[in-house]
Amino acid sequence: MEKQLNFSSLTKLNKLLLIAKKTDGKCFYCKVDTDLVVDHIVPKCLWKEWGLDEVLGRDSCNHIGNLFLACHSCNTKKGKKAIESFLGYAETEEGSNACWSLITEANLKIGVTPPDCIITEKI
């Protein structure tokens, strides 16, 4: 059995480097590599609205699997929108699955696998 990295034991800099590795140091949305910030894929307000804090624990929205780089422009435009809506996927099961497969693929680059990308180590 492969040993998983304990994200909670990493320094903030190392966590940021792992977040950057998921998207090769570029914005998850538009792929630019300047003016980057850390974005919550599922915004904090939706995380709470969907009841994920109750199920997964307080501050679970800050898990490394929910954090991606975004340029300031995309982060501002996305705001509190669901990722499917922001990326232009139809809010259908098919569109949602396509969207989440992109997120899963990026998380796999740092060894975060479903359901780990949602329910384990917090950043």
PDB file of N, CA and C in Angstrom:
ATOM      1  N   MET A   1       0.849  -1.188   0.000  1.00  0.00           N
ATOM      2  CA  MET A   1       0.000   0.000   0.000  1.00  0.00           C
ATOM      3  C   MET A   1       0.895   1.254   0.000  1.00  0.00           C
ATOM      4  N   GLU A   2       0.595   2.185  -0.872  1.00  0.00           N
ATOM      5  CA  GLU A   2       1.386   3.394  -1.012  1.00  0.00           C
ATOM      6  C   GLU A   2       1.072   4.369   0.121  1.00  0.00           C
ATOM      7  N   LYS A   3       2.122   4.942   0.709  1.00  0.00           N
ATOM      8  CA  LYS A   3       1.949   5.913   1.790  1.00  0.00           C
ATOM      9  C   LYS A   3       1.577   7.274   1.200  1.00  0.00           C
ATOM     10  N   GLN A   4       0.534   7.903   1.762  1.00  0.00           N
ATOM     11  CA  GLN A   4       0.134   9.211   1.279  1.00  0.00           C
ATOM     12  C   GLN A   4       0.826  10.320   2.055  1.00  0.00           C
ATOM     13  N   LEU A   5       1.073  11.434   1.401  1.00  0.00           N
ATOM     14  CA  LEU A   5       1.681  12.599   2.001  1.00  0.00           C
ATOM     15  C   LEU A   5       0.729  13.203   3.022  1.00  0.00           C
ATOM     16  N   ASN A   6       1.252  13.570   4.177  1.00  0.00           N
ATOM     17  CA  ASN A   6       0.450  14.218   5.208  1.00  0.00           C
ATOM     18  C   ASN A   6       0.506  15.723   4.966  1.00  0.00           C
ATOM     19  N   PHE A   7      -0.492  16.258   4.294  1.00  0.00           N
ATOM     20  CA  PHE A   7      -0.499  17.669   3.909  1.00  0.00           C
ATOM     21  C   PHE A   7      -0.499  18.603   5.110  1.00  0.00           C
ATOM     22  N   SER A   8      -1.122  18.178   6.208  1.00  0.00           N
ATOM     23  CA  SER A   8      -1.211  19.058   7.368  1.00  0.00           C
ATOM     24  C   SER A   8       0.143  19.300   8.022  1.00  0.00           C
ATOM     25  N   SER A   9       1.138  18.474   7.727  1.00  0.00           N
ATOM     26  CA  SER A   9       2.461  18.647   8.328  1.00  0.00           C
ATOM     27  C   SER A   9       3.370  19.554   7.493  1.00  0.00           C
ATOM     28  N   LEU A  10       2.919  19.988   6.349  1.00  0.00           N
ATOM     29  CA  LEU A  10       3.740  20.820   5.461  1.00  0.00           C
ATOM     30  C   LEU A  10       3.700  22.290   5.862  1.00  0.00           C
ATOM     31  N   THR A  11       4.759  23.017   5.522  1.00  0.00           N
ATOM     32  CA  THR A  11       4.765  24.459   5.751  1.00  0.00           C
ATOM     33  C   THR A  11       3.831  25.118   4.736  1.00  0.00           C
ATOM     34  N   LYS A  12       3.455  26.359   4.999  1.00  0.00           N
ATOM     35  CA  LYS A  12       2.581  27.087   4.065  1.00  0.00           C
ATOM     36  C   LYS A  12       3.225  27.203   2.692  1.00  0.00           C
ATOM     37  N   LEU A  13       4.536  27.432   2.649  1.00  0.00           N
ATOM     38  CA  LEU A  13       5.226  27.544   1.366  1.00  0.00           C
ATOM     39  C   LEU A  13       5.138  26.227   0.598  1.00  0.00           C
ATOM     40  N   ASN A  14       5.374  25.115   1.270  1.00  0.00           N
ATOM     41  CA  ASN A  14       5.292  23.821   0.596  1.00  0.00           C
ATOM     42  C   ASN A  14       3.871  23.517   0.136  1.00  0.00           C
ATOM     43  N   LYS A  15       2.883  23.928   0.903  1.00  0.00           N
ATOM     44  CA  LYS A  15       1.485  23.749   0.482  1.00  0.00           C
ATOM     45  C   LYS A  15       1.208  24.579  -0.767  1.00  0.00           C
ATOM     46  N   LEU A  16       1.711  25.810  -0.781  1.00  0.00           N
ATOM     47  CA  LEU A  16       1.526  26.675  -1.950  1.00  0.00           C
ATOM     48  C   LEU A  16       2.209  26.078  -3.174  1.00  0.00           C
ATOM     49  N   LEU A  17       3.394  25.505  -2.985  1.00  0.00           N
ATOM     50  CA  LEU A  17       4.088  24.870  -4.106  1.00  0.00           C
ATOM     51  C   LEU A  17       3.299  23.673  -4.634  1.00  0.00           C
ATOM     52  N   LEU A  18       2.675  22.907  -3.748  1.00  0.00           N
ATOM     53  CA  LEU A  18       1.842  21.784  -4.189  1.00  0.00           C
ATOM     54  C   LEU A  18       0.605  22.272  -4.943  1.00  0.00           C
ATOM     55  N   ILE A  19      -0.004  23.335  -4.448  1.00  0.00           N
ATOM     56  CA  ILE A  19      -1.167  23.905  -5.135  1.00  0.00           C
ATOM     57  C   ILE A  19      -0.756  24.365  -6.530  1.00  0.00           C
ATOM     58  N   ALA A  20       0.413  24.994  -6.624  1.00  0.00           N
ATOM     59  CA  ALA A  20       0.912  25.468  -7.924  1.00  0.00           C
ATOM     60  C   ALA A  20       1.223  24.300  -8.855  1.00  0.00           C
ATOM     61  N   LYS A  21       1.713  23.211  -8.298  1.00  0.00           N
ATOM     62  CA  LYS A  21       2.064  22.042  -9.113  1.00  0.00           C
ATOM     63  C   LYS A  21       0.844  21.467  -9.824  1.00  0.00           C
ATOM     64  N   LYS A  22      -0.324  21.599  -9.220  1.00  0.00           N
ATOM     65  CA  LYS A  22      -1.545  21.037  -9.815  1.00  0.00           C
ATOM     66  C   LYS A  22      -1.845  21.643 -11.178  1.00  0.00           C
ATOM     67  N   THR A  23      -1.464  22.901 -11.363  1.00  0.00           N
ATOM     68  CA  THR A  23      -1.771  23.596 -12.621  1.00  0.00           C
ATOM     69  C   THR A  23      -0.501  24.109 -13.302  1.00  0.00           C
ATOM     70  N   ASP A  24       0.622  23.513 -12.961  1.00  0.00           N
ATOM     71  CA  ASP A  24       1.908  23.917 -13.540  1.00  0.00           C
ATOM     72  C   ASP A  24       2.182  25.406 -13.342  1.00  0.00           C
ATOM     73  N   GLY A  25       1.749  25.939 -12.191  1.00  0.00           N
ATOM     74  CA  GLY A  25       2.012  27.338 -11.864  1.00  0.00           C
ATOM     75  C   GLY A  25       1.188  28.332 -12.652  1.00  0.00           C
ATOM     76  N   LYS A  26       0.065  27.860 -13.203  1.00  0.00           N
ATOM     77  CA  LYS A  26      -0.788  28.729 -14.013  1.00  0.00           C
ATOM     78  C   LYS A  26      -2.204  28.770 -13.450  1.00  0.00           C
ATOM     79  N   CYS A  27      -2.951  29.754 -13.888  1.00  0.00           N
ATOM     80  CA  CYS A  27      -4.355  29.872 -13.506  1.00  0.00           C
ATOM     81  C   CYS A  27      -5.115  28.627 -13.973  1.00  0.00           C
ATOM     82  N   PHE A  28      -5.862  28.015 -13.085  1.00  0.00           N
ATOM     83  CA  PHE A  28      -6.644  26.823 -13.418  1.00  0.00           C
ATOM     84  C   PHE A  28      -7.635  27.113 -14.543  1.00  0.00           C
ATOM     85  N   TYR A  29      -8.132  28.338 -14.613  1.00  0.00           N
ATOM     86  CA  TYR A  29      -9.193  28.692 -15.549  1.00  0.00           C
ATOM     87  C   TYR A  29      -8.684  29.163 -16.909  1.00  0.00           C
ATOM     88  N   CYS A  30      -7.762  30.126 -16.924  1.00  0.00           N
ATOM     89  CA  CYS A  30      -7.352  30.716 -18.210  1.00  0.00           C
ATOM     90  C   CYS A  30      -5.897  30.426 -18.576  1.00  0.00           C
ATOM     91  N   LYS A  31      -5.163  29.802 -17.681  1.00  0.00           N
ATOM     92  CA  LYS A  31      -3.784  29.338 -17.921  1.00  0.00           C
ATOM     93  C   LYS A  31      -2.717  30.432 -17.954  1.00  0.00           C
ATOM     94  N   VAL A  32      -3.025  31.670 -17.542  1.00  0.00           N
ATOM     95  CA  VAL A  32      -1.970  32.684 -17.440  1.00  0.00           C
ATOM     96  C   VAL A  32      -1.110  32.378 -16.214  1.00  0.00           C
ATOM     97  N   ASP A  33       0.094  32.938 -16.190  1.00  0.00           N
ATOM     98  CA  ASP A  33       0.991  32.642 -15.079  1.00  0.00           C
ATOM     99  C   ASP A  33       1.397  33.877 -14.286  1.00  0.00           C
ATOM    100  N   THR A  34       0.573  34.912 -14.324  1.00  0.00           N
ATOM    101  CA  THR A  34       0.864  36.137 -13.577  1.00  0.00           C
ATOM    102  C   THR A  34      -0.320  36.519 -12.697  1.00  0.00           C
ATOM    103  N   ASP A  35      -0.029  37.322 -11.678  1.00  0.00           N
ATOM    104  CA  ASP A  35      -1.051  37.871 -10.783  1.00  0.00           C
ATOM    105  C   ASP A  35      -1.926  36.766 -10.176  1.00  0.00           C
ATOM    106  N   LEU A  36      -1.284  35.716  -9.637  1.00  0.00           N
ATOM    107  CA  LEU A  36      -2.001  34.532  -9.157  1.00  0.00           C
ATOM    108  C   LEU A  36      -2.349  34.616  -7.677  1.00  0.00           C
ATOM    109  N   VAL A  37      -3.497  34.066  -7.348  1.00  0.00           N
ATOM    110  CA  VAL A  37      -3.965  33.943  -5.968  1.00  0.00           C
ATOM    111  C   VAL A  37      -4.468  32.514  -5.776  1.00  0.00           C
ATOM    112  N   VAL A  38      -4.703  32.132  -4.531  1.00  0.00           N
ATOM    113  CA  VAL A  38      -5.274  30.814  -4.244  1.00  0.00           C
ATOM    114  C   VAL A  38      -6.792  30.952  -4.220  1.00  0.00           C
ATOM    115  N   ASP A  39      -7.459  30.111  -4.986  1.00  0.00           N
ATOM    116  CA  ASP A  39      -8.916  30.139  -5.130  1.00  0.00           C
ATOM    117  C   ASP A  39      -9.528  28.863  -4.568  1.00  0.00           C
ATOM    118  N   HIS A  40     -10.703  29.003  -3.973  1.00  0.00           N
ATOM    119  CA  HIS A  40     -11.486  27.836  -3.551  1.00  0.00           C
ATOM    120  C   HIS A  40     -12.336  27.403  -4.745  1.00  0.00           C
ATOM    121  N   ILE A  41     -12.115  26.189  -5.244  1.00  0.00           N
ATOM    122  CA  ILE A  41     -12.902  25.685  -6.369  1.00  0.00           C
ATOM    123  C   ILE A  41     -14.386  25.700  -6.008  1.00  0.00           C
ATOM    124  N   VAL A  42     -14.708  25.154  -4.849  1.00  0.00           N
ATOM    125  CA  VAL A  42     -16.064  25.292  -4.313  1.00  0.00           C
ATOM    126  C   VAL A  42     -15.984  26.455  -3.331  1.00  0.00           C
ATOM    127  N   PRO A  43     -16.596  27.588  -3.657  1.00  0.00           N
ATOM    128  CA  PRO A  43     -16.506  28.758  -2.785  1.00  0.00           C
ATOM    129  C   PRO A  43     -17.007  28.451  -1.370  1.00  0.00           C
ATOM    130  N   LYS A  44     -16.447  29.170  -0.404  1.00  0.00           N
ATOM    131  CA  LYS A  44     -16.806  28.951   0.996  1.00  0.00           C
ATOM    132  C   LYS A  44     -18.317  29.036   1.212  1.00  0.00           C
ATOM    133  N   CYS A  45     -18.970  30.002   0.566  1.00  0.00           N
ATOM    134  CA  CYS A  45     -20.414  30.166   0.769  1.00  0.00           C
ATOM    135  C   CYS A  45     -21.198  28.951   0.267  1.00  0.00           C
ATOM    136  N   LEU A  46     -20.789  28.380  -0.868  1.00  0.00           N
ATOM    137  CA  LEU A  46     -21.471  27.191  -1.384  1.00  0.00           C
ATOM    138  C   LEU A  46     -21.147  25.967  -0.533  1.00  0.00           C
ATOM    139  N   TRP A  47     -19.908  25.895  -0.048  1.00  0.00           N
ATOM    140  CA  TRP A  47     -19.498  24.781   0.816  1.00  0.00           C
ATOM    141  C   TRP A  47     -20.450  24.697   2.006  1.00  0.00           C
ATOM    142  N   LYS A  48     -20.713  25.866   2.604  1.00  0.00           N
ATOM    143  CA  LYS A  48     -21.627  25.913   3.760  1.00  0.00           C
ATOM    144  C   LYS A  48     -23.067  25.663   3.323  1.00  0.00           C
ATOM    145  N   GLU A  49     -23.479  26.295   2.217  1.00  0.00           N
ATOM    146  CA  GLU A  49     -24.844  26.131   1.717  1.00  0.00           C
ATOM    147  C   GLU A  49     -25.154  24.672   1.414  1.00  0.00           C
ATOM    148  N   TRP A  50     -24.181  23.957   0.879  1.00  0.00           N
ATOM    149  CA  TRP A  50     -24.360  22.543   0.543  1.00  0.00           C
ATOM    150  C   TRP A  50     -24.216  21.634   1.756  1.00  0.00           C
ATOM    151  N   GLY A  51     -23.909  22.215   2.933  1.00  0.00           N
ATOM    152  CA  GLY A  51     -23.809  21.439   4.164  1.00  0.00           C
ATOM    153  C   GLY A  51     -22.519  20.659   4.313  1.00  0.00           C
ATOM    154  N   LEU A  52     -21.503  20.998   3.519  1.00  0.00           N
ATOM    155  CA  LEU A  52     -20.254  20.228   3.575  1.00  0.00           C
ATOM    156  C   LEU A  52     -19.473  20.469   4.859  1.00  0.00           C
ATOM    157  N   ASP A  53     -19.581  21.667   5.450  1.00  0.00           N
ATOM    158  CA  ASP A  53     -18.920  21.913   6.732  1.00  0.00           C
ATOM    159  C   ASP A  53     -19.460  20.974   7.805  1.00  0.00           C
ATOM    160  N   GLU A  54     -20.768  20.757   7.778  1.00  0.00           N
ATOM    161  CA  GLU A  54     -21.385  19.877   8.773  1.00  0.00           C
ATOM    162  C   GLU A  54     -20.938  18.434   8.591  1.00  0.00           C
ATOM    163  N   VAL A  55     -20.819  18.006   7.349  1.00  0.00           N
ATOM    164  CA  VAL A  55     -20.451  16.620   7.054  1.00  0.00           C
ATOM    165  C   VAL A  55     -18.941  16.396   7.182  1.00  0.00           C
ATOM    166  N   LEU A  56     -18.158  17.331   6.650  1.00  0.00           N
ATOM    167  CA  LEU A  56     -16.713  17.129   6.557  1.00  0.00           C
ATOM    168  C   LEU A  56     -15.903  17.858   7.617  1.00  0.00           C
ATOM    169  N   GLY A  57     -16.546  18.732   8.365  1.00  0.00           N
ATOM    170  CA  GLY A  57     -15.850  19.435   9.434  1.00  0.00           C
ATOM    171  C   GLY A  57     -15.607  20.902   9.126  1.00  0.00           C
ATOM    172  N   ARG A  58     -15.477  21.650  10.213  1.00  0.00           N
ATOM    173  CA  ARG A  58     -15.233  23.085  10.122  1.00  0.00           C
ATOM    174  C   ARG A  58     -13.957  23.343   9.323  1.00  0.00           C
ATOM    175  N   ASP A  59     -13.994  24.315   8.468  1.00  0.00           N
ATOM    176  CA  ASP A  59     -12.861  24.720   7.628  1.00  0.00           C
ATOM    177  C   ASP A  59     -12.431  23.663   6.612  1.00  0.00           C
ATOM    178  N   SER A  60     -13.265  22.664   6.369  1.00  0.00           N
ATOM    179  CA  SER A  60     -12.904  21.640   5.391  1.00  0.00           C
ATOM    180  C   SER A  60     -12.819  22.219   3.980  1.00  0.00           C
ATOM    181  N   CYS A  61     -13.396  23.389   3.760  1.00  0.00           N
ATOM    182  CA  CYS A  61     -13.299  24.012   2.439  1.00  0.00           C
ATOM    183  C   CYS A  61     -11.865  24.429   2.126  1.00  0.00           C
ATOM    184  N   ASN A  62     -11.008  24.479   3.143  1.00  0.00           N
ATOM    185  CA  ASN A  62      -9.610  24.850   2.943  1.00  0.00           C
ATOM    186  C   ASN A  62      -8.708  23.647   2.691  1.00  0.00           C
ATOM    187  N   HIS A  63      -9.317  22.510   2.412  1.00  0.00           N
ATOM    188  CA  HIS A  63      -8.545  21.315   2.081  1.00  0.00           C
ATOM    189  C   HIS A  63      -7.791  21.554   0.777  1.00  0.00           C
ATOM    190  N   ILE A  64      -6.595  21.002   0.675  1.00  0.00           N
ATOM    191  CA  ILE A  64      -5.749  21.244  -0.499  1.00  0.00           C
ATOM    192  C   ILE A  64      -6.428  20.819  -1.806  1.00  0.00           C
ATOM    193  N   GLY A  65      -7.337  19.854  -1.753  1.00  0.00           N
ATOM    194  CA  GLY A  65      -8.043  19.417  -2.946  1.00  0.00           C
ATOM    195  C   GLY A  65      -9.052  20.437  -3.462  1.00  0.00           C
ATOM    196  N   ASN A  66      -9.415  21.412  -2.620  1.00  0.00           N
ATOM    197  CA  ASN A  66     -10.368  22.449  -3.008  1.00  0.00           C
ATOM    198  C   ASN A  66      -9.663  23.763  -3.353  1.00  0.00           C
ATOM    199  N   LEU A  67      -8.340  23.774  -3.289  1.00  0.00           N
ATOM    200  CA  LEU A  67      -7.580  25.000  -3.525  1.00  0.00           C
ATOM    201  C   LEU A  67      -6.765  24.905  -4.812  1.00  0.00           C
ATOM    202  N   PHE A  68      -6.913  25.910  -5.647  1.00  0.00           N
ATOM    203  CA  PHE A  68      -6.221  25.969  -6.936  1.00  0.00           C
ATOM    204  C   PHE A  68      -5.731  27.384  -7.167  1.00  0.00           C
ATOM    205  N   LEU A  69      -4.728  27.518  -8.039  1.00  0.00           N
ATOM    206  CA  LEU A  69      -4.295  28.856  -8.432  1.00  0.00           C
ATOM    207  C   LEU A  69      -5.287  29.441  -9.424  1.00  0.00           C
ATOM    208  N   ALA A  70      -5.519  30.728  -9.276  1.00  0.00           N
ATOM    209  CA  ALA A  70      -6.346  31.479 -10.230  1.00  0.00           C
ATOM    210  C   ALA A  70      -5.724  32.855 -10.371  1.00  0.00           C
ATOM    211  N   CYS A  71      -5.795  33.398 -11.558  1.00  0.00           N
ATOM    212  CA  CYS A  71      -5.329  34.778 -11.707  1.00  0.00           C
ATOM    213  C   CYS A  71      -6.368  35.676 -11.034  1.00  0.00           C
ATOM    214  N   HIS A  72      -5.932  36.858 -10.682  1.00  0.00           N
ATOM    215  CA  HIS A  72      -6.827  37.780  -9.975  1.00  0.00           C
ATOM    216  C   HIS A  72      -8.103  38.044 -10.785  1.00  0.00           C
ATOM    217  N   SER A  73      -7.945  38.171 -12.097  1.00  0.00           N
ATOM    218  CA  SER A  73      -9.092  38.457 -12.959  1.00  0.00           C
ATOM    219  C   SER A  73     -10.125  37.324 -12.910  1.00  0.00           C
ATOM    220  N   CYS A  74      -9.673  36.078 -13.095  1.00  0.00           N
ATOM    221  CA  CYS A  74     -10.605  34.935 -13.062  1.00  0.00           C
ATOM    222  C   CYS A  74     -11.216  34.764 -11.677  1.00  0.00           C
ATOM    223  N   ASN A  75     -10.393  34.947 -10.651  1.00  0.00           N
ATOM    224  CA  ASN A  75     -10.896  34.797  -9.287  1.00  0.00           C
ATOM    225  C   ASN A  75     -12.007  35.804  -9.011  1.00  0.00           C
ATOM    226  N   THR A  76     -11.818  37.029  -9.492  1.00  0.00           N
ATOM    227  CA  THR A  76     -12.831  38.069  -9.308  1.00  0.00           C
ATOM    228  C   THR A  76     -14.094  37.752 -10.111  1.00  0.00           C
ATOM    229  N   LYS A  77     -13.920  37.336 -11.366  1.00  0.00           N
ATOM    230  CA  LYS A  77     -15.075  37.001 -12.214  1.00  0.00           C
ATOM    231  C   LYS A  77     -15.844  35.796 -11.680  1.00  0.00           C
ATOM    232  N   LYS A  78     -15.126  34.803 -11.175  1.00  0.00           N
ATOM    233  CA  LYS A  78     -15.775  33.595 -10.650  1.00  0.00           C
ATOM    234  C   LYS A  78     -16.554  33.933  -9.396  1.00  0.00           C
ATOM    235  N   GLY A  79     -15.950  34.704  -8.516  1.00  0.00           N
ATOM    236  CA  GLY A  79     -16.625  35.095  -7.281  1.00  0.00           C
ATOM    237  C   GLY A  79     -17.208  33.909  -6.539  1.00  0.00           C
ATOM    238  N   LYS A  80     -18.511  33.954  -6.300  1.00  0.00           N
ATOM    239  CA  LYS A  80     -19.201  32.908  -5.530  1.00  0.00           C
ATOM    240  C   LYS A  80     -19.906  31.885  -6.420  1.00  0.00           C
ATOM    241  N   LYS A  81     -19.579  31.903  -7.709  1.00  0.00           N
ATOM    242  CA  LYS A  81     -20.242  30.980  -8.643  1.00  0.00           C
ATOM    243  C   LYS A  81     -19.746  29.555  -8.456  1.00  0.00           C
ATOM    244  N   ALA A  82     -20.618  28.603  -8.749  1.00  0.00           N
ATOM    245  CA  ALA A  82     -20.197  27.202  -8.824  1.00  0.00           C
ATOM    246  C   ALA A  82     -19.266  27.073 -10.020  1.00  0.00           C
ATOM    247  N   ILE A  83     -18.295  26.188  -9.916  1.00  0.00           N
ATOM    248  CA  ILE A  83     -17.295  26.054 -10.980  1.00  0.00           C
ATOM    249  C   ILE A  83     -17.922  25.669 -12.315  1.00  0.00           C
ATOM    250  N   GLU A  84     -18.950  24.832 -12.283  1.00  0.00           N
ATOM    251  CA  GLU A  84     -19.606  24.433 -13.536  1.00  0.00           C
ATOM    252  C   GLU A  84     -20.162  25.650 -14.265  1.00  0.00           C
ATOM    253  N   SER A  85     -20.754  26.542 -13.520  1.00  0.00           N
ATOM    254  CA  SER A  85     -21.318  27.757 -14.101  1.00  0.00           C
ATOM    255  C   SER A  85     -20.213  28.665 -14.650  1.00  0.00           C
ATOM    256  N   PHE A  86     -19.160  28.852 -13.884  1.00  0.00           N
ATOM    257  CA  PHE A  86     -18.074  29.728 -14.317  1.00  0.00           C
ATOM    258  C   PHE A  86     -17.370  29.191 -15.557  1.00  0.00           C
ATOM    259  N   LEU A  87     -17.153  27.884 -15.623  1.00  0.00           N
ATOM    260  CA  LEU A  87     -16.453  27.299 -16.778  1.00  0.00           C
ATOM    261  C   LEU A  87     -17.353  27.106 -17.990  1.00  0.00           C
ATOM    262  N   GLY A  88     -18.644  27.393 -17.840  1.00  0.00           N
ATOM    263  CA  GLY A  88     -19.554  27.294 -18.971  1.00  0.00           C
ATOM    264  C   GLY A  88     -20.094  25.897 -19.222  1.00  0.00           C
ATOM    265  N   TYR A  89     -19.922  25.016 -18.249  1.00  0.00           N
ATOM    266  CA  TYR A  89     -20.510  23.679 -18.379  1.00  0.00           C
ATOM    267  C   TYR A  89     -21.982  23.781 -18.030  1.00  0.00           C
ATOM    268  N   ALA A  90     -22.787  23.045 -18.765  1.00  0.00           N
ATOM    269  CA  ALA A  90     -24.207  23.008 -18.426  1.00  0.00           C
ATOM    270  C   ALA A  90     -24.329  22.416 -17.034  1.00  0.00           C
ATOM    271  N   GLU A  91     -25.228  22.940 -16.249  1.00  0.00           N
ATOM    272  CA  GLU A  91     -25.405  22.412 -14.895  1.00  0.00           C
ATOM    273  C   GLU A  91     -26.223  21.129 -14.954  1.00  0.00           C
ATOM    274  N   THR A  92     -25.633  20.156 -15.632  1.00  0.00           N
ATOM    275  CA  THR A  92     -26.216  18.829 -15.752  1.00  0.00           C
ATOM    276  C   THR A  92     -25.229  17.844 -15.154  1.00  0.00           C
ATOM    277  N   GLU A  93     -25.649  16.615 -14.991  1.00  0.00           N
ATOM    278  CA  GLU A  93     -24.740  15.609 -14.446  1.00  0.00           C
ATOM    279  C   GLU A  93     -23.536  15.423 -15.362  1.00  0.00           C
ATOM    280  N   GLU A  94     -23.770  15.425 -16.671  1.00  0.00           N
ATOM    281  CA  GLU A  94     -22.674  15.259 -17.629  1.00  0.00           C
ATOM    282  C   GLU A  94     -21.682  16.417 -17.547  1.00  0.00           C
ATOM    283  N   GLY A  95     -22.193  17.643 -17.500  1.00  0.00           N
ATOM    284  CA  GLY A  95     -21.334  18.819 -17.386  1.00  0.00           C
ATOM    285  C   GLY A  95     -20.569  18.834 -16.074  1.00  0.00           C
ATOM    286  N   SER A  96     -21.253  18.489 -15.004  1.00  0.00           N
ATOM    287  CA  SER A  96     -20.618  18.430 -13.693  1.00  0.00           C
ATOM    288  C   SER A  96     -19.513  17.386 -13.664  1.00  0.00           C
ATOM    289  N   ASN A  97     -19.782  16.218 -14.246  1.00  0.00           N
ATOM    290  CA  ASN A  97     -18.770  15.154 -14.280  1.00  0.00           C
ATOM    291  C   ASN A  97     -17.543  15.577 -15.068  1.00  0.00           C
ATOM    292  N   ALA A  98     -17.739  16.261 -16.196  1.00  0.00           N
ATOM    293  CA  ALA A  98     -16.611  16.739 -17.003  1.00  0.00           C
ATOM    294  C   ALA A  98     -15.775  17.736 -16.208  1.00  0.00           C
ATOM    295  N   CYS A  99     -16.446  18.622 -15.523  1.00  0.00           N
ATOM    296  CA  CYS A  99     -15.775  19.631 -14.713  1.00  0.00           C
ATOM    297  C   CYS A  99     -14.969  18.989 -13.591  1.00  0.00           C
ATOM    298  N   TRP A 100     -15.592  18.075 -12.871  1.00  0.00           N
ATOM    299  CA  TRP A 100     -14.914  17.448 -11.736  1.00  0.00           C
ATOM    300  C   TRP A 100     -13.808  16.507 -12.182  1.00  0.00           C
ATOM    301  N   SER A 101     -13.867  15.993 -13.389  1.00  0.00           N
ATOM    302  CA  SER A 101     -12.756  15.159 -13.854  1.00  0.00           C
ATOM    303  C   SER A 101     -11.516  16.025 -14.084  1.00  0.00           C
ATOM    304  N   LEU A 102     -11.677  17.287 -14.503  1.00  0.00           N
ATOM    305  CA  LEU A 102     -10.547  18.212 -14.629  1.00  0.00           C
ATOM    306  C   LEU A 102      -9.915  18.481 -13.265  1.00  0.00           C
ATOM    307  N   ILE A 103     -10.750  18.660 -12.269  1.00  0.00           N
ATOM    308  CA  ILE A 103     -10.273  18.919 -10.909  1.00  0.00           C
ATOM    309  C   ILE A 103      -9.545  17.689 -10.360  1.00  0.00           C
ATOM    310  N   THR A 104     -10.133  16.520 -10.574  1.00  0.00           N
ATOM    311  CA  THR A 104      -9.513  15.281 -10.103  1.00  0.00           C
ATOM    312  C   THR A 104      -8.169  15.057 -10.776  1.00  0.00           C
ATOM    313  N   GLU A 105      -8.106  15.288 -12.081  1.00  0.00           N
ATOM    314  CA  GLU A 105      -6.855  15.116 -12.829  1.00  0.00           C
ATOM    315  C   GLU A 105      -5.747  16.013 -12.260  1.00  0.00           C
ATOM    316  N   ALA A 106      -6.095  17.257 -11.956  1.00  0.00           N
ATOM    317  CA  ALA A 106      -5.109  18.184 -11.384  1.00  0.00           C
ATOM    318  C   ALA A 106      -4.684  17.733  -9.988  1.00  0.00           C
ATOM    319  N   ASN A 107      -5.643  17.288  -9.174  1.00  0.00           N
ATOM    320  CA  ASN A 107      -5.316  16.836  -7.821  1.00  0.00           C
ATOM    321  C   ASN A 107      -4.446  15.584  -7.836  1.00  0.00           C
ATOM    322  N   LEU A 108      -4.619  14.736  -8.833  1.00  0.00           N
ATOM    323  CA  LEU A 108      -3.810  13.525  -8.927  1.00  0.00           C
ATOM    324  C   LEU A 108      -2.328  13.849  -9.126  1.00  0.00           C
ATOM    325  N   LYS A 109      -2.025  15.022  -9.692  1.00  0.00           N
ATOM    326  CA  LYS A 109      -0.628  15.427  -9.887  1.00  0.00           C
ATOM    327  C   LYS A 109       0.122  15.545  -8.566  1.00  0.00           C
ATOM    328  N   ILE A 110      -0.601  15.778  -7.481  1.00  0.00           N
ATOM    329  CA  ILE A 110       0.049  15.895  -6.170  1.00  0.00           C
ATOM    330  C   ILE A 110      -0.329  14.741  -5.247  1.00  0.00           C
ATOM    331  N   GLY A 111      -0.937  13.723  -5.807  1.00  0.00           N
ATOM    332  CA  GLY A 111      -1.251  12.535  -5.015  1.00  0.00           C
ATOM    333  C   GLY A 111      -2.519  12.614  -4.200  1.00  0.00           C
ATOM    334  N   VAL A 112      -3.386  13.567  -4.516  1.00  0.00           N
ATOM    335  CA  VAL A 112      -4.678  13.674  -3.835  1.00  0.00           C
ATOM    336  C   VAL A 112      -5.693  12.963  -4.712  1.00  0.00           C
ATOM    337  N   THR A 113      -6.242  11.877  -4.201  1.00  0.00           N
ATOM    338  CA  THR A 113      -7.187  11.087  -4.980  1.00  0.00           C
ATOM    339  C   THR A 113      -8.563  11.107  -4.347  1.00  0.00           C
ATOM    340  N   PRO A 114      -9.598  11.029  -5.148  1.00  0.00           N
ATOM    341  CA  PRO A 114     -10.937  10.977  -4.579  1.00  0.00           C
ATOM    342  C   PRO A 114     -11.073   9.734  -3.707  1.00  0.00           C
ATOM    343  N   PRO A 115     -11.759   9.781  -2.589  1.00  0.00           N
ATOM    344  CA  PRO A 115     -12.410  10.961  -2.030  1.00  0.00           C
ATOM    345  C   PRO A 115     -11.499  11.840  -1.195  1.00  0.00           C
ATOM    346  N   ASP A 116     -10.185  11.537  -1.166  1.00  0.00           N
ATOM    347  CA  ASP A 116      -9.262  12.313  -0.355  1.00  0.00           C
ATOM    348  C   ASP A 116      -9.306  13.802  -0.672  1.00  0.00           C
ATOM    349  N   CYS A 117      -9.523  14.140  -1.939  1.00  0.00           N
ATOM    350  CA  CYS A 117      -9.510  15.545  -2.316  1.00  0.00           C
ATOM    351  C   CYS A 117     -10.679  16.306  -1.699  1.00  0.00           C
ATOM    352  N   ILE A 118     -11.602  15.593  -1.100  1.00  0.00           N
ATOM    353  CA  ILE A 118     -12.725  16.264  -0.471  1.00  0.00           C
ATOM    354  C   ILE A 118     -12.749  16.064   1.031  1.00  0.00           C
ATOM    355  N   ILE A 119     -12.356  14.907   1.523  1.00  0.00           N
ATOM    356  CA  ILE A 119     -12.646  14.636   2.925  1.00  0.00           C
ATOM    357  C   ILE A 119     -11.472  14.459   3.878  1.00  0.00           C
ATOM    358  N   THR A 120     -10.233  14.618   3.428  1.00  0.00           N
ATOM    359  CA  THR A 120      -9.136  14.426   4.377  1.00  0.00           C
ATOM    360  C   THR A 120      -8.348  15.688   4.628  1.00  0.00           C
ATOM    361  N   GLU A 121      -7.080  15.554   4.878  1.00  0.00           N
ATOM    362  CA  GLU A 121      -6.195  16.618   5.335  1.00  0.00           C
ATOM    363  C   GLU A 121      -6.627  18.033   4.950  1.00  0.00           C
ATOM    364  N   LYS A 122      -6.623  18.930   5.942  1.00  0.00           N
ATOM    365  CA  LYS A 122      -6.958  20.332   5.708  1.00  0.00           C
ATOM    366  C   LYS A 122      -5.679  21.132   5.567  1.00  0.00           C
ATOM    367  N   ILE A 123      -5.706  22.168   4.734  1.00  0.00           N
ATOM    368  CA  ILE A 123      -4.526  23.004   4.548  1.00  0.00           C
ATOM    369  C   ILE A 123      -4.460  24.033   5.674  1.00  0.00           C
TER     370      ILE A 123
END
